[in-house]
Amino acid sequence: MRRLIGKFLADQSGATAIEYCLIAVGLSIVIIAAVNGIGTSLSGNFASISSSIK
């Protein structure tokens, strides 16, 4: 029983998975912010082009 508990406490694979998950979440937030900023800029450009065509 002691060996099983010791082996469980020494296992690092769960911590590694959590670290990768946090990295993925951080990258997702950066990508969403960048796309949101570019989308706002493009929307303004398309509105300007649309009004100039009319």
PDB file of N, CA and C in Angstrom:
ATOM      1  N   MET A   1       0.823  -1.184   0.000  1.00  0.00           N
ATOM      2  CA  MET A   1       0.000   0.000   0.000  1.00  0.00           C
ATOM      3  C   MET A   1       0.874   1.258   0.000  1.00  0.00           C
ATOM      4  N   ARG A   2       1.980   1.235   0.759  1.00  0.00           N
ATOM      5  CA  ARG A   2       2.873   2.392   0.790  1.00  0.00           C
ATOM      6  C   ARG A   2       3.484   2.640  -0.588  1.00  0.00           C
ATOM      7  N   ARG A   3       3.836   1.565  -1.259  1.00  0.00           N
ATOM      8  CA  ARG A   3       4.445   1.705  -2.579  1.00  0.00           C
ATOM      9  C   ARG A   3       3.441   2.332  -3.560  1.00  0.00           C
ATOM     10  N   LEU A   4       2.196   1.928  -3.472  1.00  0.00           N
ATOM     11  CA  LEU A   4       1.159   2.464  -4.356  1.00  0.00           C
ATOM     12  C   LEU A   4       0.960   3.953  -4.118  1.00  0.00           C
ATOM     13  N   ILE A   5       0.893   4.370  -2.876  1.00  0.00           N
ATOM     14  CA  ILE A   5       0.719   5.786  -2.545  1.00  0.00           C
ATOM     15  C   ILE A   5       1.955   6.584  -2.965  1.00  0.00           C
ATOM     16  N   GLY A   6       3.134   6.034  -2.718  1.00  0.00           N
ATOM     17  CA  GLY A   6       4.364   6.704  -3.129  1.00  0.00           C
ATOM     18  C   GLY A   6       4.453   6.866  -4.638  1.00  0.00           C
ATOM     19  N   LYS A   7       4.049   5.829  -5.350  1.00  0.00           N
ATOM     20  CA  LYS A   7       4.053   5.886  -6.809  1.00  0.00           C
ATOM     21  C   LYS A   7       3.047   6.918  -7.314  1.00  0.00           C
ATOM     22  N   PHE A   8       1.891   7.000  -6.683  1.00  0.00           N
ATOM     23  CA  PHE A   8       0.873   7.984  -7.058  1.00  0.00           C
ATOM     24  C   PHE A   8       1.378   9.406  -6.829  1.00  0.00           C
ATOM     25  N   LEU A   9       2.020   9.654  -5.719  1.00  0.00           N
ATOM     26  CA  LEU A   9       2.512  10.994  -5.404  1.00  0.00           C
ATOM     27  C   LEU A   9       3.681  11.404  -6.294  1.00  0.00           C
ATOM     28  N   ALA A  10       4.446  10.444  -6.775  1.00  0.00           N
ATOM     29  CA  ALA A  10       5.601  10.745  -7.628  1.00  0.00           C
ATOM     30  C   ALA A  10       5.222  10.900  -9.103  1.00  0.00           C
ATOM     31  N   ASP A  11       4.008  10.516  -9.473  1.00  0.00           N
ATOM     32  CA  ASP A  11       3.587  10.576 -10.875  1.00  0.00           C
ATOM     33  C   ASP A  11       3.419  12.029 -11.317  1.00  0.00           C
ATOM     34  N   GLN A  12       4.090  12.398 -12.399  1.00  0.00           N
ATOM     35  CA  GLN A  12       4.072  13.776 -12.904  1.00  0.00           C
ATOM     36  C   GLN A  12       3.280  13.921 -14.205  1.00  0.00           C
ATOM     37  N   SER A  13       2.709  12.865 -14.721  1.00  0.00           N
ATOM     38  CA  SER A  13       2.043  12.939 -16.024  1.00  0.00           C
ATOM     39  C   SER A  13       0.803  13.824 -15.982  1.00  0.00           C
ATOM     40  N   GLY A  14       0.081  13.845 -14.893  1.00  0.00           N
ATOM     41  CA  GLY A  14      -1.090  14.706 -14.777  1.00  0.00           C
ATOM     42  C   GLY A  14      -0.710  16.175 -14.775  1.00  0.00           C
ATOM     43  N   ALA A  15       0.381  16.506 -14.100  1.00  0.00           N
ATOM     44  CA  ALA A  15       0.839  17.892 -14.052  1.00  0.00           C
ATOM     45  C   ALA A  15       1.263  18.362 -15.437  1.00  0.00           C
ATOM     46  N   THR A  16       1.886  17.502 -16.204  1.00  0.00           N
ATOM     47  CA  THR A  16       2.305  17.858 -17.558  1.00  0.00           C
ATOM     48  C   THR A  16       1.091  18.117 -18.441  1.00  0.00           C
ATOM     49  N   ALA A  17       0.071  17.299 -18.318  1.00  0.00           N
ATOM     50  CA  ALA A  17      -1.144  17.495 -19.110  1.00  0.00           C
ATOM     51  C   ALA A  17      -1.812  18.818 -18.760  1.00  0.00           C
ATOM     52  N   ILE A  18      -1.827  19.163 -17.492  1.00  0.00           N
ATOM     53  CA  ILE A  18      -2.422  20.431 -17.077  1.00  0.00           C
ATOM     54  C   ILE A  18      -1.614  21.599 -17.620  1.00  0.00           C
ATOM     55  N   GLU A  19      -0.301  21.486 -17.621  1.00  0.00           N
ATOM     56  CA  GLU A  19       0.540  22.560 -18.161  1.00  0.00           C
ATOM     57  C   GLU A  19       0.273  22.757 -19.645  1.00  0.00           C
ATOM     58  N   TYR A  20       0.174  21.680 -20.405  1.00  0.00           N
ATOM     59  CA  TYR A  20      -0.131  21.799 -21.828  1.00  0.00           C
ATOM     60  C   TYR A  20      -1.513  22.419 -22.039  1.00  0.00           C
ATOM     61  N   CYS A  21      -2.448  22.069 -21.214  1.00  0.00           N
ATOM     62  CA  CYS A  21      -3.793  22.633 -21.309  1.00  0.00           C
ATOM     63  C   CYS A  21      -3.748  24.142 -21.062  1.00  0.00           C
ATOM     64  N   LEU A  22      -3.002  24.578 -20.065  1.00  0.00           N
ATOM     65  CA  LEU A  22      -2.891  26.008 -19.783  1.00  0.00           C
ATOM     66  C   LEU A  22      -2.210  26.755 -20.923  1.00  0.00           C
ATOM     67  N   ILE A  23      -1.222  26.152 -21.549  1.00  0.00           N
ATOM     68  CA  ILE A  23      -0.571  26.769 -22.703  1.00  0.00           C
ATOM     69  C   ILE A  23      -1.566  26.910 -23.851  1.00  0.00           C
ATOM     70  N   ALA A  24      -2.358  25.878 -24.094  1.00  0.00           N
ATOM     71  CA  ALA A  24      -3.355  25.924 -25.165  1.00  0.00           C
ATOM     72  C   ALA A  24      -4.402  27.000 -24.896  1.00  0.00           C
ATOM     73  N   VAL A  25      -4.822  27.134 -23.652  1.00  0.00           N
ATOM     74  CA  VAL A  25      -5.801  28.164 -23.297  1.00  0.00           C
ATOM     75  C   VAL A  25      -5.208  29.557 -23.523  1.00  0.00           C
ATOM     76  N   GLY A  26      -3.963  29.750 -23.137  1.00  0.00           N
ATOM     77  CA  GLY A  26      -3.316  31.045 -23.337  1.00  0.00           C
ATOM     78  C   GLY A  26      -3.203  31.393 -24.813  1.00  0.00           C
ATOM     79  N   LEU A  27      -2.802  30.425 -25.631  1.00  0.00           N
ATOM     80  CA  LEU A  27      -2.716  30.670 -27.069  1.00  0.00           C
ATOM     81  C   LEU A  27      -4.087  30.960 -27.673  1.00  0.00           C
ATOM     82  N   SER A  28      -5.102  30.284 -27.201  1.00  0.00           N
ATOM     83  CA  SER A  28      -6.452  30.521 -27.703  1.00  0.00           C
ATOM     84  C   SER A  28      -6.907  31.944 -27.408  1.00  0.00           C
ATOM     85  N   ILE A  29      -6.612  32.420 -26.218  1.00  0.00           N
ATOM     86  CA  ILE A  29      -6.999  33.780 -25.852  1.00  0.00           C
ATOM     87  C   ILE A  29      -6.289  34.797 -26.746  1.00  0.00           C
ATOM     88  N   VAL A  30      -5.007  34.588 -27.000  1.00  0.00           N
ATOM     89  CA  VAL A  30      -4.253  35.497 -27.869  1.00  0.00           C
ATOM     90  C   VAL A  30      -4.816  35.478 -29.289  1.00  0.00           C
ATOM     91  N   ILE A  31      -5.124  34.303 -29.811  1.00  0.00           N
ATOM     92  CA  ILE A  31      -5.665  34.198 -31.166  1.00  0.00           C
ATOM     93  C   ILE A  31      -7.028  34.873 -31.259  1.00  0.00           C
ATOM     94  N   ILE A  32      -7.892  34.664 -30.277  1.00  0.00           N
ATOM     95  CA  ILE A  32      -9.219  35.280 -30.291  1.00  0.00           C
ATOM     96  C   ILE A  32      -9.106  36.797 -30.233  1.00  0.00           C
ATOM     97  N   ALA A  33      -8.210  37.313 -29.407  1.00  0.00           N
ATOM     98  CA  ALA A  33      -8.026  38.764 -29.318  1.00  0.00           C
ATOM     99  C   ALA A  33      -7.519  39.332 -30.637  1.00  0.00           C
ATOM    100  N   ALA A  34      -6.586  38.648 -31.284  1.00  0.00           N
ATOM    101  CA  ALA A  34      -6.052  39.123 -32.561  1.00  0.00           C
ATOM    102  C   ALA A  34      -7.121  39.107 -33.649  1.00  0.00           C
ATOM    103  N   VAL A  35      -7.882  38.043 -33.724  1.00  0.00           N
ATOM    104  CA  VAL A  35      -8.934  37.943 -34.741  1.00  0.00           C
ATOM    105  C   VAL A  35     -10.012  38.989 -34.491  1.00  0.00           C
ATOM    106  N   ASN A  36     -10.329  39.235 -33.244  1.00  0.00           N
ATOM    107  CA  ASN A  36     -11.330  40.241 -32.907  1.00  0.00           C
ATOM    108  C   ASN A  36     -10.853  41.622 -33.344  1.00  0.00           C
ATOM    109  N   GLY A  37      -9.612  41.951 -33.099  1.00  0.00           N
ATOM    110  CA  GLY A  37      -9.069  43.246 -33.503  1.00  0.00           C
ATOM    111  C   GLY A  37      -9.025  43.407 -35.010  1.00  0.00           C
ATOM    112  N   ILE A  38      -8.609  42.371 -35.715  1.00  0.00           N
ATOM    113  CA  ILE A  38      -8.558  42.418 -37.176  1.00  0.00           C
ATOM    114  C   ILE A  38      -9.974  42.504 -37.749  1.00  0.00           C
ATOM    115  N   GLY A  39     -10.916  41.796 -37.146  1.00  0.00           N
ATOM    116  CA  GLY A  39     -12.302  41.825 -37.620  1.00  0.00           C
ATOM    117  C   GLY A  39     -12.909  43.207 -37.507  1.00  0.00           C
ATOM    118  N   THR A  40     -12.633  43.897 -36.418  1.00  0.00           N
ATOM    119  CA  THR A  40     -13.146  45.251 -36.238  1.00  0.00           C
ATOM    120  C   THR A  40     -12.562  46.188 -37.294  1.00  0.00           C
ATOM    121  N   SER A  41     -11.282  46.049 -37.543  1.00  0.00           N
ATOM    122  CA  SER A  41     -10.616  46.878 -38.559  1.00  0.00           C
ATOM    123  C   SER A  41     -11.173  46.591 -39.950  1.00  0.00           C
ATOM    124  N   LEU A  42     -11.343  45.335 -40.286  1.00  0.00           N
ATOM    125  CA  LEU A  42     -11.875  44.971 -41.599  1.00  0.00           C
ATOM    126  C   LEU A  42     -13.313  45.434 -41.769  1.00  0.00           C
ATOM    127  N   SER A  43     -14.081  45.371 -40.718  1.00  0.00           N
ATOM    128  CA  SER A  43     -15.470  45.829 -40.789  1.00  0.00           C
ATOM    129  C   SER A  43     -15.526  47.309 -41.146  1.00  0.00           C
ATOM    130  N   GLY A  44     -14.663  48.100 -40.537  1.00  0.00           N
ATOM    131  CA  GLY A  44     -14.592  49.522 -40.868  1.00  0.00           C
ATOM    132  C   GLY A  44     -14.169  49.751 -42.305  1.00  0.00           C
ATOM    133  N   ASN A  45     -13.211  48.991 -42.778  1.00  0.00           N
ATOM    134  CA  ASN A  45     -12.761  49.116 -44.170  1.00  0.00           C
ATOM    135  C   ASN A  45     -13.870  48.754 -45.155  1.00  0.00           C
ATOM    136  N   PHE A  46     -14.582  47.669 -44.895  1.00  0.00           N
ATOM    137  CA  PHE A  46     -15.662  47.266 -45.785  1.00  0.00           C
ATOM    138  C   PHE A  46     -16.802  48.285 -45.779  1.00  0.00           C
ATOM    139  N   ALA A  47     -17.086  48.868 -44.638  1.00  0.00           N
ATOM    140  CA  ALA A  47     -18.128  49.903 -44.571  1.00  0.00           C
ATOM    141  C   ALA A  47     -17.708  51.121 -45.379  1.00  0.00           C
ATOM    142  N   SER A  48     -16.442  51.500 -45.302  1.00  0.00           N
ATOM    143  CA  SER A  48     -15.932  52.627 -46.081  1.00  0.00           C
ATOM    144  C   SER A  48     -16.008  52.341 -47.579  1.00  0.00           C
ATOM    145  N   ILE A  49     -15.625  51.152 -47.978  1.00  0.00           N
ATOM    146  CA  ILE A  49     -15.677  50.778 -49.397  1.00  0.00           C
ATOM    147  C   ILE A  49     -17.125  50.740 -49.881  1.00  0.00           C
ATOM    148  N   SER A  50     -18.000  50.198 -49.076  1.00  0.00           N
ATOM    149  CA  SER A  50     -19.412  50.110 -49.436  1.00  0.00           C
ATOM    150  C   SER A  50     -20.022  51.494 -49.634  1.00  0.00           C
ATOM    151  N   SER A  51     -19.697  52.428 -48.739  1.00  0.00           N
ATOM    152  CA  SER A  51     -20.267  53.771 -48.875  1.00  0.00           C
ATOM    153  C   SER A  51     -19.667  54.507 -50.063  1.00  0.00           C
ATOM    154  N   SER A  52     -18.422  54.244 -50.393  1.00  0.00           N
ATOM    155  CA  SER A  52     -17.816  54.921 -51.546  1.00  0.00           C
ATOM    156  C   SER A  52     -18.323  54.371 -52.868  1.00  0.00           C
ATOM    157  N   ILE A  53     -18.747  53.093 -52.897  1.00  0.00           N
ATOM    158  CA  ILE A  53     -19.285  52.501 -54.128  1.00  0.00           C
ATOM    159  C   ILE A  53     -20.663  53.062 -54.423  1.00  0.00           C
ATOM    160  N   LYS A  54     -21.440  53.328 -53.387  1.00  0.00           N
ATOM    161  CA  LYS A  54     -22.804  53.842 -53.579  1.00  0.00           C
ATOM    162  C   LYS A  54     -22.715  55.227 -54.039  1.00  0.00           C
TER     163      LYS A  54
END
